[in-house]
PDB file of N, CA and C in Angstrom:
ATOM      1  N   MET A   1      16.000   6.658 -31.293  1.00  0.00           N
ATOM      2  CA  MET A   1      15.711   5.887 -30.748  1.00  0.00           C
ATOM      3  C   MET A   1      13.993   5.356 -31.454  1.00  0.00           C
ATOM      4  N   GLU A   2      13.910   4.440 -31.464  1.00  0.00           N
ATOM      5  CA  GLU A   2      12.210   3.822 -31.917  1.00  0.00           C
ATOM      6  C   GLU A   2      11.703   3.781 -30.599  1.00  0.00           C
ATOM      7  N   LEU A   3       9.953   4.013 -30.630  1.00  0.00           N
ATOM      8  CA  LEU A   3       9.491   4.003 -29.690  1.00  0.00           C
ATOM      9  C   LEU A   3       9.928   2.708 -28.725  1.00  0.00           C
ATOM     10  N   GLY A   4       9.753   1.127 -29.297  1.00  0.00           N
ATOM     11  CA  GLY A   4      10.004   0.176 -28.276  1.00  0.00           C
ATOM     12  C   GLY A   4      11.381  -0.090 -27.696  1.00  0.00           C
ATOM     13  N   GLU A   5      12.843   1.249 -28.631  1.00  0.00           N
ATOM     14  CA  GLU A   5      13.743   0.750 -27.653  1.00  0.00           C
ATOM     15  C   GLU A   5      13.505   1.541 -26.588  1.00  0.00           C
ATOM     16  N   VAL A   6      12.894   2.547 -26.555  1.00  0.00           N
ATOM     17  CA  VAL A   6      12.812   3.833 -25.435  1.00  0.00           C
ATOM     18  C   VAL A   6      12.181   3.112 -24.603  1.00  0.00           C
ATOM     19  N   ALA A   7      10.798   2.271 -24.321  1.00  0.00           N
ATOM     20  CA  ALA A   7      10.359   1.835 -23.624  1.00  0.00           C
ATOM     21  C   ALA A   7      10.663   0.670 -23.151  1.00  0.00           C
ATOM     22  N   ARG A   8      11.921   0.023 -23.635  1.00  0.00           N
ATOM     23  CA  ARG A   8      12.747  -1.440 -23.087  1.00  0.00           C
ATOM     24  C   ARG A   8      13.748  -0.791 -22.153  1.00  0.00           C
ATOM     25  N   HIS A   9      14.403   0.265 -22.699  1.00  0.00           N
ATOM     26  CA  HIS A   9      15.483   0.748 -21.995  1.00  0.00           C
ATOM     27  C   HIS A   9      14.573   1.753 -20.771  1.00  0.00           C
ATOM     28  N   ARG A  10      13.591   2.317 -20.739  1.00  0.00           N
ATOM     29  CA  ARG A  10      12.691   2.746 -19.223  1.00  0.00           C
ATOM     30  C   ARG A  10      12.706   1.575 -18.901  1.00  0.00           C
ATOM     31  N   GLY A  11      12.007   0.876 -19.157  1.00  0.00           N
ATOM     32  CA  GLY A  11      11.267  -0.655 -18.163  1.00  0.00           C
ATOM     33  C   GLY A  11      12.795  -1.184 -17.486  1.00  0.00           C
ATOM     34  N   ALA A  12      14.107  -1.306 -18.403  1.00  0.00           N
ATOM     35  CA  ALA A  12      15.231  -1.732 -17.391  1.00  0.00           C
ATOM     36  C   ALA A  12      15.674  -0.892 -16.559  1.00  0.00           C
ATOM     37  N   GLU A  13      15.520   0.897 -16.772  1.00  0.00           N
ATOM     38  CA  GLU A  13      16.074   1.722 -15.513  1.00  0.00           C
ATOM     39  C   GLU A  13      15.334   1.508 -14.745  1.00  0.00           C
ATOM     40  N   PHE A  14      13.833   1.382 -14.831  1.00  0.00           N
ATOM     41  CA  PHE A  14      12.735   1.050 -13.645  1.00  0.00           C
ATOM     42  C   PHE A  14      13.215  -0.043 -12.783  1.00  0.00           C
ATOM     43  N   ALA A  15      13.232  -1.240 -13.515  1.00  0.00           N
ATOM     44  CA  ALA A  15      13.682  -2.576 -13.101  1.00  0.00           C
ATOM     45  C   ALA A  15      14.867  -2.278 -12.093  1.00  0.00           C
ATOM     46  N   ASP A  16      15.915  -1.652 -12.287  1.00  0.00           N
ATOM     47  CA  ASP A  16      17.052  -1.436 -11.899  1.00  0.00           C
ATOM     48  C   ASP A  16      16.843  -0.882 -10.803  1.00  0.00           C
ATOM     49  N   THR A  17      15.969   0.690 -10.730  1.00  0.00           N
ATOM     50  CA  THR A  17      15.455   1.222  -9.693  1.00  0.00           C
ATOM     51  C   THR A  17      15.159   0.633  -8.498  1.00  0.00           C
ATOM     52  N   ALA A  18      13.920  -0.343  -9.001  1.00  0.00           N
ATOM     53  CA  ALA A  18      13.265  -1.104  -7.634  1.00  0.00           C
ATOM     54  C   ALA A  18      13.932  -2.161  -7.459  1.00  0.00           C
ATOM     55  N   ARG A  19      15.175  -2.482  -8.013  1.00  0.00           N
ATOM     56  CA  ARG A  19      16.028  -3.990  -7.247  1.00  0.00           C
ATOM     57  C   ARG A  19      17.132  -2.967  -6.262  1.00  0.00           C
ATOM     58  N   ARG A  20      17.384  -1.771  -6.324  1.00  0.00           N
ATOM     59  CA  ARG A  20      18.147  -0.990  -5.597  1.00  0.00           C
ATOM     60  C   ARG A  20      17.389  -0.643  -4.592  1.00  0.00           C
ATOM     61  N   ARG A  21      15.951   0.152  -4.703  1.00  0.00           N
ATOM     62  CA  ARG A  21      15.253   0.488  -3.753  1.00  0.00           C
ATOM     63  C   ARG A  21      15.148  -0.618  -2.762  1.00  0.00           C
ATOM     64  N   GLY A  22      14.688  -1.935  -3.055  1.00  0.00           N
ATOM     65  CA  GLY A  22      14.307  -3.042  -2.601  1.00  0.00           C
ATOM     66  C   GLY A  22      15.566  -3.496  -1.616  1.00  0.00           C
ATOM     67  N   ALA A  23      16.931  -3.248  -2.422  1.00  0.00           N
ATOM     68  CA  ALA A  23      17.978  -3.875  -1.370  1.00  0.00           C
ATOM     69  C   ALA A  23      18.185  -2.664  -0.348  1.00  0.00           C
ATOM     70  N   GLU A  24      17.598  -1.353  -0.667  1.00  0.00           N
ATOM     71  CA  GLU A  24      17.583  -0.407   0.442  1.00  0.00           C
ATOM     72  C   GLU A  24      16.922  -0.490   1.386  1.00  0.00           C
ATOM     73  N   LEU A  25      15.626  -1.004   1.146  1.00  0.00           N
ATOM     74  CA  LEU A  25      14.424  -1.146   1.969  1.00  0.00           C
ATOM     75  C   LEU A  25      14.718  -2.586   2.970  1.00  0.00           C
ATOM     76  N   ASP A  26      15.665  -3.941   2.649  1.00  0.00           N
ATOM     77  CA  ASP A  26      15.785  -5.041   3.065  1.00  0.00           C
ATOM     78  C   ASP A  26      16.993  -4.514   4.149  1.00  0.00           C
ATOM     79  N   GLU A  27      17.781  -3.779   3.809  1.00  0.00           N
ATOM     80  CA  GLU A  27      18.946  -3.397   4.793  1.00  0.00           C
ATOM     81  C   GLU A  27      18.853  -2.783   5.635  1.00  0.00           C
ATOM     82  N   SER A  28      17.860  -1.725   5.108  1.00  0.00           N
ATOM     83  CA  SER A  28      17.086  -0.645   6.502  1.00  0.00           C
ATOM     84  C   SER A  28      16.414  -1.492   7.298  1.00  0.00           C
ATOM     85  N   ALA A  29      15.708  -2.586   6.943  1.00  0.00           N
ATOM     86  CA  ALA A  29      15.154  -3.403   7.968  1.00  0.00           C
ATOM     87  C   ALA A  29      15.680  -4.476   8.746  1.00  0.00           C
ATOM     88  N   LYS A  30      17.054  -4.967   8.232  1.00  0.00           N
ATOM     89  CA  LYS A  30      17.982  -5.434   8.737  1.00  0.00           C
ATOM     90  C   LYS A  30      18.393  -4.581  10.265  1.00  0.00           C
ATOM     91  N   VAL A  31      18.572  -3.837   9.747  1.00  0.00           N
ATOM     92  CA  VAL A  31      19.220  -2.658  10.685  1.00  0.00           C
ATOM     93  C   VAL A  31      18.144  -2.477  11.677  1.00  0.00           C
ATOM     94  N   ARG A  32      17.004  -2.078  11.143  1.00  0.00           N
ATOM     95  CA  ARG A  32      16.133  -1.492  12.371  1.00  0.00           C
ATOM     96  C   ARG A  32      15.605  -3.189  13.430  1.00  0.00           C
ATOM     97  N   SER A  33      15.606  -4.109  12.682  1.00  0.00           N
ATOM     98  CA  SER A  33      15.546  -5.494  13.408  1.00  0.00           C
ATOM     99  C   SER A  33      16.483  -5.930  14.725  1.00  0.00           C
ATOM    100  N   VAL A  34      17.476  -5.370  14.089  1.00  0.00           N
ATOM    101  CA  VAL A  34      18.775  -5.613  15.334  1.00  0.00           C
ATOM    102  C   VAL A  34      18.467  -4.335  16.342  1.00  0.00           C
ATOM    103  N   GLU A  35      18.430  -3.293  15.722  1.00  0.00           N
ATOM    104  CA  GLU A  35      18.095  -2.397  16.710  1.00  0.00           C
ATOM    105  C   GLU A  35      17.094  -2.739  17.947  1.00  0.00           C
ATOM    106  N   LEU A  36      16.155  -3.181  16.807  1.00  0.00           N
ATOM    107  CA  LEU A  36      14.518  -3.199  17.819  1.00  0.00           C
ATOM    108  C   LEU A  36      15.009  -4.660  18.849  1.00  0.00           C
ATOM    109  N   ALA A  37      15.769  -5.471  18.256  1.00  0.00           N
ATOM    110  CA  ALA A  37      16.298  -6.524  19.332  1.00  0.00           C
ATOM    111  C   ALA A  37      17.165  -6.100  20.264  1.00  0.00           C
ATOM    112  N   ASP A  38      17.889  -5.333  19.999  1.00  0.00           N
ATOM    113  CA  ASP A  38      19.051  -4.698  20.841  1.00  0.00           C
ATOM    114  C   ASP A  38      18.137  -3.972  22.113  1.00  0.00           C
ATOM    115  N   ALA A  39      17.085  -3.145  21.712  1.00  0.00           N
ATOM    116  CA  ALA A  39      16.155  -2.582  22.888  1.00  0.00           C
ATOM    117  C   ALA A  39      15.324  -3.167  23.446  1.00  0.00           C
ATOM    118  N   VAL A  40      14.988  -4.451  22.920  1.00  0.00           N
ATOM    119  CA  VAL A  40      14.181  -5.293  23.795  1.00  0.00           C
ATOM    120  C   VAL A  40      15.375  -5.921  24.837  1.00  0.00           C
ATOM    121  N   LYS A  41      16.420  -6.451  24.137  1.00  0.00           N
ATOM    122  CA  LYS A  41      17.379  -7.068  25.315  1.00  0.00           C
ATOM    123  C   LYS A  41      17.556  -6.138  26.579  1.00  0.00           C
ATOM    124  N   GLU A  42      17.780  -4.778  26.145  1.00  0.00           N
ATOM    125  CA  GLU A  42      17.913  -3.781  27.194  1.00  0.00           C
ATOM    126  C   GLU A  42      17.021  -3.450  28.255  1.00  0.00           C
ATOM    127  N   ARG A  43      15.638  -3.358  27.804  1.00  0.00           N
ATOM    128  CA  ARG A  43      14.698  -3.562  28.304  1.00  0.00           C
ATOM    129  C   ARG A  43      14.366  -4.457  29.485  1.00  0.00           C
ATOM    130  N   GLY A  44      14.616  -5.914  28.791  1.00  0.00           N
ATOM    131  CA  GLY A  44      14.603  -7.098  29.658  1.00  0.00           C
ATOM    132  C   GLY A  44      15.339  -6.823  30.541  1.00  0.00           C
ATOM    133  N   GLN A  45      16.448  -6.633  30.694  1.00  0.00           N
ATOM    134  CA  GLN A  45      17.721  -6.407  31.721  1.00  0.00           C
ATOM    135  C   GLN A  45      17.626  -5.727  32.576  1.00  0.00           C
ATOM    136  N   ASP A  46      16.693  -4.372  32.234  1.00  0.00           N
ATOM    137  CA  ASP A  46      16.309  -3.211  33.214  1.00  0.00           C
ATOM    138  C   ASP A  46      15.071  -4.113  34.028  1.00  0.00           C
ATOM    139  N   VAL A  47      14.449  -4.719  33.261  1.00  0.00           N
ATOM    140  CA  VAL A  47      12.908  -5.210  34.472  1.00  0.00           C
ATOM    141  C   VAL A  47      13.560  -6.209  34.978  1.00  0.00           C
ATOM    142  N   ALA A  48      14.219  -6.594  34.715  1.00  0.00           N
ATOM    143  CA  ALA A  48      14.972  -8.114  35.323  1.00  0.00           C
ATOM    144  C   ALA A  48      15.636  -7.463  36.892  1.00  0.00           C
ATOM    145  N   GLU A  49      16.700  -6.501  36.367  1.00  0.00           N
ATOM    146  CA  GLU A  49      17.324  -5.556  37.453  1.00  0.00           C
ATOM    147  C   GLU A  49      16.339  -5.407  38.437  1.00  0.00           C
ATOM    148  N   ASN A  50      15.116  -4.290  38.096  1.00  0.00           N
ATOM    149  CA  ASN A  50      14.363  -3.944  39.168  1.00  0.00           C
ATOM    150  C   ASN A  50      13.642  -4.619  39.989  1.00  0.00           C
ATOM    151  N   THR A  51      13.118  -5.890  39.018  1.00  0.00           N
ATOM    152  CA  THR A  51      12.692  -7.343  40.177  1.00  0.00           C
ATOM    153  C   THR A  51      13.609  -7.410  41.035  1.00  0.00           C
ATOM    154  N   ARG A  52      14.939  -7.587  40.625  1.00  0.00           N
ATOM    155  CA  ARG A  52      15.725  -8.271  42.133  1.00  0.00           C
ATOM    156  C   ARG A  52      15.853  -7.135  43.240  1.00  0.00           C
ATOM    157  N   ARG A  53      15.828  -5.912  42.444  1.00  0.00           N
ATOM    158  CA  ARG A  53      15.784  -4.682  43.599  1.00  0.00           C
ATOM    159  C   ARG A  53      14.862  -5.084  44.642  1.00  0.00           C
ATOM    160  N   ARG A  54      13.566  -5.232  43.832  1.00  0.00           N
ATOM    161  CA  ARG A  54      12.313  -5.019  45.018  1.00  0.00           C
ATOM    162  C   ARG A  54      12.223  -6.129  45.816  1.00  0.00           C
ATOM    163  N   ARG A  55      12.816  -7.611  45.147  1.00  0.00           N
ATOM    164  CA  ARG A  55      12.733  -8.332  45.887  1.00  0.00           C
ATOM    165  C   ARG A  55      13.462  -8.655  47.035  1.00  0.00           C
ATOM    166  N   GLY A  56      14.755  -7.934  47.158  1.00  0.00           N
ATOM    167  CA  GLY A  56      15.876  -8.084  47.680  1.00  0.00           C
ATOM    168  C   GLY A  56      17.028  -7.415  47.888  1.00  0.00           C
TER     169      GLY A  56
END
């Protein structure tokens, strides 16, 4: 393989890896976003319940 071919091949491998890693990070961010939203919602419900208990 010539040097140019090797460089193109390595470049393509790098691009594929970067795309895969980017997709993994996107998916991870989506999962964490949902987890955070669930935690905030749960905490809000806890606060509301505690407030109701204190008031009456």
